[in-house]
Amino acid sequence: MMIVDLVDETDLKEGLIGIGVPIQLDDSLEQVKEAVVAWQAHSQAHAIELKKICTELNSPTVTLLPEVTELVMAFMSL
């Protein structure tokens, strides 16, 4: 049996909150995207943290819901 991590919107938000992005769990994905763009622009350290979490989420052992995949891809292009 193969075990797969499934990352949903809440998991993504919790991860972003964990690295210091100023969002709430009830924020829409559009609000999250806007907050992440503004947050990572403030510091090179923030950009590095964002890249790290996105890289972890792009692991072959992690399955992302489509809306999460779209957002992670947008973050990777920042």
PDB file of N, CA and C in Angstrom:
ATOM      1  N   MET A   1       0.839  -1.181   0.000  1.00  0.00           N
ATOM      2  CA  MET A   1       0.000   0.000   0.000  1.00  0.00           C
ATOM      3  C   MET A   1       0.881   1.240   0.000  1.00  0.00           C
ATOM      4  N   MET A   2       0.543   2.188  -0.859  1.00  0.00           N
ATOM      5  CA  MET A   2       1.305   3.423  -0.957  1.00  0.00           C
ATOM      6  C   MET A   2       0.608   4.509  -0.134  1.00  0.00           C
ATOM      7  N   ILE A   3       1.375   5.181   0.682  1.00  0.00           N
ATOM      8  CA  ILE A   3       0.831   6.274   1.482  1.00  0.00           C
ATOM      9  C   ILE A   3       1.279   7.582   0.847  1.00  0.00           C
ATOM     10  N   VAL A   4       0.306   8.476   0.645  1.00  0.00           N
ATOM     11  CA  VAL A   4       0.587   9.739  -0.022  1.00  0.00           C
ATOM     12  C   VAL A   4       0.120  10.870   0.872  1.00  0.00           C
ATOM     13  N   ASP A   5       0.945  11.909   0.988  1.00  0.00           N
ATOM     14  CA  ASP A   5       0.528  13.116   1.680  1.00  0.00           C
ATOM     15  C   ASP A   5      -0.383  13.895   0.748  1.00  0.00           C
ATOM     16  N   LEU A   6      -1.557  14.251   1.234  1.00  0.00           N
ATOM     17  CA  LEU A   6      -2.484  15.066   0.459  1.00  0.00           C
ATOM     18  C   LEU A   6      -2.544  16.437   1.100  1.00  0.00           C
ATOM     19  N   VAL A   7      -2.125  17.439   0.350  1.00  0.00           N
ATOM     20  CA  VAL A   7      -2.084  18.805   0.862  1.00  0.00           C
ATOM     21  C   VAL A   7      -3.283  19.572   0.331  1.00  0.00           C
ATOM     22  N   ASP A   8      -4.095  20.049   1.268  1.00  0.00           N
ATOM     23  CA  ASP A   8      -5.248  20.846   0.879  1.00  0.00           C
ATOM     24  C   ASP A   8      -4.992  22.318   1.226  1.00  0.00           C
ATOM     25  N   GLU A   9      -5.996  23.124   1.014  1.00  0.00           N
ATOM     26  CA  GLU A   9      -5.895  24.570   1.241  1.00  0.00           C
ATOM     27  C   GLU A   9      -5.498  24.897   2.686  1.00  0.00           C
ATOM     28  N   THR A  10      -6.077  24.197   3.642  1.00  0.00           N
ATOM     29  CA  THR A  10      -5.767  24.443   5.052  1.00  0.00           C
ATOM     30  C   THR A  10      -4.321  24.093   5.365  1.00  0.00           C
ATOM     31  N   ASP A  11      -3.843  22.971   4.837  1.00  0.00           N
ATOM     32  CA  ASP A  11      -2.446  22.582   5.053  1.00  0.00           C
ATOM     33  C   ASP A  11      -1.496  23.640   4.510  1.00  0.00           C
ATOM     34  N   LEU A  12      -1.805  24.148   3.320  1.00  0.00           N
ATOM     35  CA  LEU A  12      -0.963  25.180   2.720  1.00  0.00           C
ATOM     36  C   LEU A  12      -0.951  26.436   3.585  1.00  0.00           C
ATOM     37  N   LYS A  13      -2.120  26.867   4.010  1.00  0.00           N
ATOM     38  CA  LYS A  13      -2.207  28.068   4.847  1.00  0.00           C
ATOM     39  C   LYS A  13      -1.456  27.880   6.155  1.00  0.00           C
ATOM     40  N   GLU A  14      -1.587  26.715   6.780  1.00  0.00           N
ATOM     41  CA  GLU A  14      -0.870  26.448   8.027  1.00  0.00           C
ATOM     42  C   GLU A  14       0.643  26.494   7.806  1.00  0.00           C
ATOM     43  N   GLY A  15       1.098  25.953   6.685  1.00  0.00           N
ATOM     44  CA  GLY A  15       2.526  26.004   6.367  1.00  0.00           C
ATOM     45  C   GLY A  15       3.009  27.428   6.172  1.00  0.00           C
ATOM     46  N   LEU A  16       2.216  28.226   5.482  1.00  0.00           N
ATOM     47  CA  LEU A  16       2.586  29.622   5.245  1.00  0.00           C
ATOM     48  C   LEU A  16       2.575  30.420   6.550  1.00  0.00           C
ATOM     49  N   ILE A  17       1.588  30.175   7.390  1.00  0.00           N
ATOM     50  CA  ILE A  17       1.551  30.832   8.703  1.00  0.00           C
ATOM     51  C   ILE A  17       2.790  30.435   9.505  1.00  0.00           C
ATOM     52  N   GLY A  18       3.184  29.181   9.384  1.00  0.00           N
ATOM     53  CA  GLY A  18       4.358  28.672  10.092  1.00  0.00           C
ATOM     54  C   GLY A  18       5.657  29.364   9.711  1.00  0.00           C
ATOM     55  N   ILE A  19       5.743  29.898   8.497  1.00  0.00           N
ATOM     56  CA  ILE A  19       6.956  30.615   8.096  1.00  0.00           C
ATOM     57  C   ILE A  19       6.802  32.123   8.252  1.00  0.00           C
ATOM     58  N   GLY A  20       5.647  32.546   8.792  1.00  0.00           N
ATOM     59  CA  GLY A  20       5.484  33.952   9.123  1.00  0.00           C
ATOM     60  C   GLY A  20       4.619  34.785   8.196  1.00  0.00           C
ATOM     61  N   VAL A  21       3.983  34.168   7.218  1.00  0.00           N
ATOM     62  CA  VAL A  21       3.107  34.928   6.323  1.00  0.00           C
ATOM     63  C   VAL A  21       1.876  35.379   7.121  1.00  0.00           C
ATOM     64  N   PRO A  22       1.556  36.670   7.077  1.00  0.00           N
ATOM     65  CA  PRO A  22       0.445  37.194   7.875  1.00  0.00           C
ATOM     66  C   PRO A  22      -0.928  36.932   7.236  1.00  0.00           C
ATOM     67  N   ILE A  23      -1.381  35.700   7.343  1.00  0.00           N
ATOM     68  CA  ILE A  23      -2.689  35.315   6.806  1.00  0.00           C
ATOM     69  C   ILE A  23      -3.487  34.621   7.901  1.00  0.00           C
ATOM     70  N   GLN A  24      -4.767  34.429   7.626  1.00  0.00           N
ATOM     71  CA  GLN A  24      -5.670  33.701   8.527  1.00  0.00           C
ATOM     72  C   GLN A  24      -6.166  32.455   7.791  1.00  0.00           C
ATOM     73  N   LEU A  25      -6.540  31.446   8.544  1.00  0.00           N
ATOM     74  CA  LEU A  25      -7.025  30.216   7.927  1.00  0.00           C
ATOM     75  C   LEU A  25      -8.299  30.427   7.113  1.00  0.00           C
ATOM     76  N   ASP A  26      -9.073  31.445   7.442  1.00  0.00           N
ATOM     77  CA  ASP A  26     -10.303  31.667   6.693  1.00  0.00           C
ATOM     78  C   ASP A  26     -10.143  32.629   5.508  1.00  0.00           C
ATOM     79  N   ASP A  27      -8.919  33.059   5.221  1.00  0.00           N
ATOM     80  CA  ASP A  27      -8.661  33.903   4.049  1.00  0.00           C
ATOM     81  C   ASP A  27      -8.898  33.102   2.767  1.00  0.00           C
ATOM     82  N   SER A  28      -9.359  33.789   1.735  1.00  0.00           N
ATOM     83  CA  SER A  28      -9.521  33.140   0.433  1.00  0.00           C
ATOM     84  C   SER A  28      -8.135  32.894  -0.171  1.00  0.00           C
ATOM     85  N   LEU A  29      -8.084  32.034  -1.166  1.00  0.00           N
ATOM     86  CA  LEU A  29      -6.793  31.776  -1.816  1.00  0.00           C
ATOM     87  C   LEU A  29      -6.258  33.027  -2.501  1.00  0.00           C
ATOM     88  N   GLU A  30      -7.130  33.869  -3.004  1.00  0.00           N
ATOM     89  CA  GLU A  30      -6.692  35.127  -3.612  1.00  0.00           C
ATOM     90  C   GLU A  30      -6.078  36.041  -2.548  1.00  0.00           C
ATOM     91  N   GLN A  31      -6.685  36.100  -1.373  1.00  0.00           N
ATOM     92  CA  GLN A  31      -6.116  36.897  -0.276  1.00  0.00           C
ATOM     93  C   GLN A  31      -4.759  36.332   0.145  1.00  0.00           C
ATOM     94  N   VAL A  32      -4.657  35.020   0.181  1.00  0.00           N
ATOM     95  CA  VAL A  32      -3.389  34.374   0.532  1.00  0.00           C
ATOM     96  C   VAL A  32      -2.324  34.738  -0.485  1.00  0.00           C
ATOM     97  N   LYS A  33      -2.675  34.653  -1.749  1.00  0.00           N
ATOM     98  CA  LYS A  33      -1.703  34.979  -2.810  1.00  0.00           C
ATOM     99  C   LYS A  33      -1.218  36.420  -2.670  1.00  0.00           C
ATOM    100  N   GLU A  34      -2.141  37.354  -2.469  1.00  0.00           N
ATOM    101  CA  GLU A  34      -1.755  38.761  -2.321  1.00  0.00           C
ATOM    102  C   GLU A  34      -0.856  38.967  -1.105  1.00  0.00           C
ATOM    103  N   ALA A  35      -1.190  38.314   0.006  1.00  0.00           N
ATOM    104  CA  ALA A  35      -0.393  38.451   1.227  1.00  0.00           C
ATOM    105  C   ALA A  35       1.009  37.870   1.034  1.00  0.00           C
ATOM    106  N   VAL A  36       1.096  36.737   0.358  1.00  0.00           N
ATOM    107  CA  VAL A  36       2.405  36.098   0.133  1.00  0.00           C
ATOM    108  C   VAL A  36       3.270  36.963  -0.775  1.00  0.00           C
ATOM    109  N   VAL A  37       2.689  37.510  -1.822  1.00  0.00           N
ATOM    110  CA  VAL A  37       3.449  38.371  -2.737  1.00  0.00           C
ATOM    111  C   VAL A  37       4.025  39.566  -1.975  1.00  0.00           C
ATOM    112  N   ALA A  38       3.204  40.212  -1.172  1.00  0.00           N
ATOM    113  CA  ALA A  38       3.668  41.374  -0.397  1.00  0.00           C
ATOM    114  C   ALA A  38       4.694  40.965   0.645  1.00  0.00           C
ATOM    115  N   TRP A  39       4.457  39.855   1.323  1.00  0.00           N
ATOM    116  CA  TRP A  39       5.346  39.388   2.394  1.00  0.00           C
ATOM    117  C   TRP A  39       6.734  39.038   1.865  1.00  0.00           C
ATOM    118  N   GLN A  40       6.799  38.272   0.795  1.00  0.00           N
ATOM    119  CA  GLN A  40       8.102  37.830   0.292  1.00  0.00           C
ATOM    120  C   GLN A  40       8.901  38.979  -0.307  1.00  0.00           C
ATOM    121  N   ALA A  41       8.225  40.039  -0.735  1.00  0.00           N
ATOM    122  CA  ALA A  41       8.916  41.187  -1.322  1.00  0.00           C
ATOM    123  C   ALA A  41       9.652  42.017  -0.264  1.00  0.00           C
ATOM    124  N   HIS A  42       9.311  41.834   0.994  1.00  0.00           N
ATOM    125  CA  HIS A  42       9.916  42.627   2.072  1.00  0.00           C
ATOM    126  C   HIS A  42      11.333  42.194   2.444  1.00  0.00           C
ATOM    127  N   SER A  43      11.684  40.958   2.150  1.00  0.00           N
ATOM    128  CA  SER A  43      12.968  40.463   2.632  1.00  0.00           C
ATOM    129  C   SER A  43      13.437  39.280   1.793  1.00  0.00           C
ATOM    130  N   GLN A  44      14.714  39.229   1.557  1.00  0.00           N
ATOM    131  CA  GLN A  44      15.307  38.095   0.860  1.00  0.00           C
ATOM    132  C   GLN A  44      15.122  36.821   1.680  1.00  0.00           C
ATOM    133  N   ALA A  45      15.169  36.943   3.008  1.00  0.00           N
ATOM    134  CA  ALA A  45      14.956  35.778   3.879  1.00  0.00           C
ATOM    135  C   ALA A  45      13.543  35.226   3.699  1.00  0.00           C
ATOM    136  N   HIS A  46      12.573  36.114   3.527  1.00  0.00           N
ATOM    137  CA  HIS A  46      11.202  35.666   3.294  1.00  0.00           C
ATOM    138  C   HIS A  46      11.120  34.904   1.974  1.00  0.00           C
ATOM    139  N   ALA A  47      11.761  35.422   0.950  1.00  0.00           N
ATOM    140  CA  ALA A  47      11.746  34.768  -0.356  1.00  0.00           C
ATOM    141  C   ALA A  47      12.369  33.374  -0.267  1.00  0.00           C
ATOM    142  N   ILE A  48      13.424  33.251   0.513  1.00  0.00           N
ATOM    143  CA  ILE A  48      14.091  31.952   0.689  1.00  0.00           C
ATOM    144  C   ILE A  48      13.166  30.972   1.405  1.00  0.00           C
ATOM    145  N   GLU A  49      12.481  31.431   2.439  1.00  0.00           N
ATOM    146  CA  GLU A  49      11.536  30.572   3.171  1.00  0.00           C
ATOM    147  C   GLU A  49      10.395  30.118   2.256  1.00  0.00           C
ATOM    148  N   LEU A  50       9.898  31.027   1.446  1.00  0.00           N
ATOM    149  CA  LEU A  50       8.818  30.692   0.523  1.00  0.00           C
ATOM    150  C   LEU A  50       9.284  29.648  -0.490  1.00  0.00           C
ATOM    151  N   LYS A  51      10.467  29.836  -1.034  1.00  0.00           N
ATOM    152  CA  LYS A  51      11.003  28.872  -2.003  1.00  0.00           C
ATOM    153  C   LYS A  51      11.170  27.501  -1.354  1.00  0.00           C
ATOM    154  N   LYS A  52      11.623  27.484  -0.108  1.00  0.00           N
ATOM    155  CA  LYS A  52      11.835  26.223   0.599  1.00  0.00           C
ATOM    156  C   LYS A  52      10.522  25.464   0.766  1.00  0.00           C
ATOM    157  N   ILE A  53       9.477  26.151   1.212  1.00  0.00           N
ATOM    158  CA  ILE A  53       8.196  25.466   1.414  1.00  0.00           C
ATOM    159  C   ILE A  53       7.615  25.002   0.081  1.00  0.00           C
ATOM    160  N   CYS A  54       7.774  25.786  -0.972  1.00  0.00           N
ATOM    161  CA  CYS A  54       7.277  25.389  -2.287  1.00  0.00           C
ATOM    162  C   CYS A  54       8.023  24.174  -2.813  1.00  0.00           C
ATOM    163  N   THR A  55       9.314  24.128  -2.586  1.00  0.00           N
ATOM    164  CA  THR A  55      10.116  22.974  -3.002  1.00  0.00           C
ATOM    165  C   THR A  55       9.660  21.719  -2.273  1.00  0.00           C
ATOM    166  N   GLU A  56       9.411  21.845  -0.973  1.00  0.00           N
ATOM    167  CA  GLU A  56       8.927  20.706  -0.195  1.00  0.00           C
ATOM    168  C   GLU A  56       7.577  20.218  -0.726  1.00  0.00           C
ATOM    169  N   LEU A  57       6.716  21.144  -1.097  1.00  0.00           N
ATOM    170  CA  LEU A  57       5.396  20.774  -1.600  1.00  0.00           C
ATOM    171  C   LEU A  57       5.449  20.155  -2.995  1.00  0.00           C
ATOM    172  N   ASN A  58       6.515  20.400  -3.717  1.00  0.00           N
ATOM    173  CA  ASN A  58       6.668  19.827  -5.058  1.00  0.00           C
ATOM    174  C   ASN A  58       7.320  18.453  -5.037  1.00  0.00           C
ATOM    175  N   SER A  59       7.484  17.881  -3.858  1.00  0.00           N
ATOM    176  CA  SER A  59       8.064  16.551  -3.718  1.00  0.00           C
ATOM    177  C   SER A  59       7.166  15.514  -4.389  1.00  0.00           C
ATOM    178  N   PRO A  60       7.762  14.483  -4.983  1.00  0.00           N
ATOM    179  CA  PRO A  60       6.950  13.441  -5.627  1.00  0.00           C
ATOM    180  C   PRO A  60       6.060  12.671  -4.649  1.00  0.00           C
ATOM    181  N   THR A  61       6.371  12.718  -3.371  1.00  0.00           N
ATOM    182  CA  THR A  61       5.570  12.002  -2.378  1.00  0.00           C
ATOM    183  C   THR A  61       4.403  12.834  -1.853  1.00  0.00           C
ATOM    184  N   VAL A  62       4.273  14.063  -2.338  1.00  0.00           N
ATOM    185  CA  VAL A  62       3.216  14.954  -1.887  1.00  0.00           C
ATOM    186  C   VAL A  62       2.211  15.154  -3.021  1.00  0.00           C
ATOM    187  N   THR A  63       0.951  15.003  -2.690  1.00  0.00           N
ATOM    188  CA  THR A  63      -0.113  15.240  -3.658  1.00  0.00           C
ATOM    189  C   THR A  63      -0.849  16.507  -3.259  1.00  0.00           C
ATOM    190  N   LEU A  64      -0.925  17.437  -4.197  1.00  0.00           N
ATOM    191  CA  LEU A  64      -1.591  18.712  -3.945  1.00  0.00           C
ATOM    192  C   LEU A  64      -2.941  18.731  -4.639  1.00  0.00           C
ATOM    193  N   LEU A  65      -3.917  19.301  -3.969  1.00  0.00           N
ATOM    194  CA  LEU A  65      -5.187  19.540  -4.639  1.00  0.00           C
ATOM    195  C   LEU A  65      -4.952  20.563  -5.753  1.00  0.00           C
ATOM    196  N   PRO A  66      -5.736  20.522  -6.823  1.00  0.00           N
ATOM    197  CA  PRO A  66      -5.485  21.397  -7.976  1.00  0.00           C
ATOM    198  C   PRO A  66      -5.360  22.879  -7.636  1.00  0.00           C
ATOM    199  N   GLU A  67      -6.222  23.391  -6.763  1.00  0.00           N
ATOM    200  CA  GLU A  67      -6.142  24.815  -6.423  1.00  0.00           C
ATOM    201  C   GLU A  67      -4.873  25.141  -5.640  1.00  0.00           C
ATOM    202  N   VAL A  68      -4.381  24.181  -4.888  1.00  0.00           N
ATOM    203  CA  VAL A  68      -3.131  24.368  -4.145  1.00  0.00           C
ATOM    204  C   VAL A  68      -1.948  24.321  -5.113  1.00  0.00           C
ATOM    205  N   THR A  69      -1.992  23.398  -6.057  1.00  0.00           N
ATOM    206  CA  THR A  69      -0.945  23.306  -7.074  1.00  0.00           C
ATOM    207  C   THR A  69      -0.809  24.624  -7.827  1.00  0.00           C
ATOM    208  N   GLU A  70      -1.933  25.188  -8.216  1.00  0.00           N
ATOM    209  CA  GLU A  70      -1.935  26.453  -8.955  1.00  0.00           C
ATOM    210  C   GLU A  70      -1.271  27.567  -8.140  1.00  0.00           C
ATOM    211  N   LEU A  71      -1.586  27.632  -6.865  1.00  0.00           N
ATOM    212  CA  LEU A  71      -1.025  28.667  -6.010  1.00  0.00           C
ATOM    213  C   LEU A  71       0.464  28.446  -5.786  1.00  0.00           C
ATOM    214  N   VAL A  72       0.868  27.218  -5.542  1.00  0.00           N
ATOM    215  CA  VAL A  72       2.290  26.909  -5.333  1.00  0.00           C
ATOM    216  C   VAL A  72       3.089  27.257  -6.584  1.00  0.00           C
ATOM    217  N   MET A  73       2.551  26.942  -7.753  1.00  0.00           N
ATOM    218  CA  MET A  73       3.235  27.288  -9.009  1.00  0.00           C
ATOM    219  C   MET A  73       3.373  28.796  -9.153  1.00  0.00           C
ATOM    220  N   ALA A  74       2.354  29.529  -8.758  1.00  0.00           N
ATOM    221  CA  ALA A  74       2.430  30.998  -8.801  1.00  0.00           C
ATOM    222  C   ALA A  74       3.522  31.496  -7.852  1.00  0.00           C
ATOM    223  N   PHE A  75       3.617  30.896  -6.669  1.00  0.00           N
ATOM    224  CA  PHE A  75       4.654  31.299  -5.721  1.00  0.00           C
ATOM    225  C   PHE A  75       6.046  30.981  -6.232  1.00  0.00           C
ATOM    226  N   MET A  76       6.189  29.863  -6.936  1.00  0.00           N
ATOM    227  CA  MET A  76       7.503  29.463  -7.461  1.00  0.00           C
ATOM    228  C   MET A  76       8.002  30.460  -8.507  1.00  0.00           C
ATOM    229  N   SER A  77       7.087  31.134  -9.165  1.00  0.00           N
ATOM    230  CA  SER A  77       7.494  32.084 -10.212  1.00  0.00           C
ATOM    231  C   SER A  77       7.774  33.488  -9.684  1.00  0.00           C
ATOM    232  N   LEU A  78       7.618  33.690  -8.379  1.00  0.00           N
ATOM    233  CA  LEU A  78       7.880  35.022  -7.808  1.00  0.00           C
ATOM    234  C   LEU A  78       9.363  35.317  -7.781  1.00  0.00           C
TER     235      LEU A  78
END
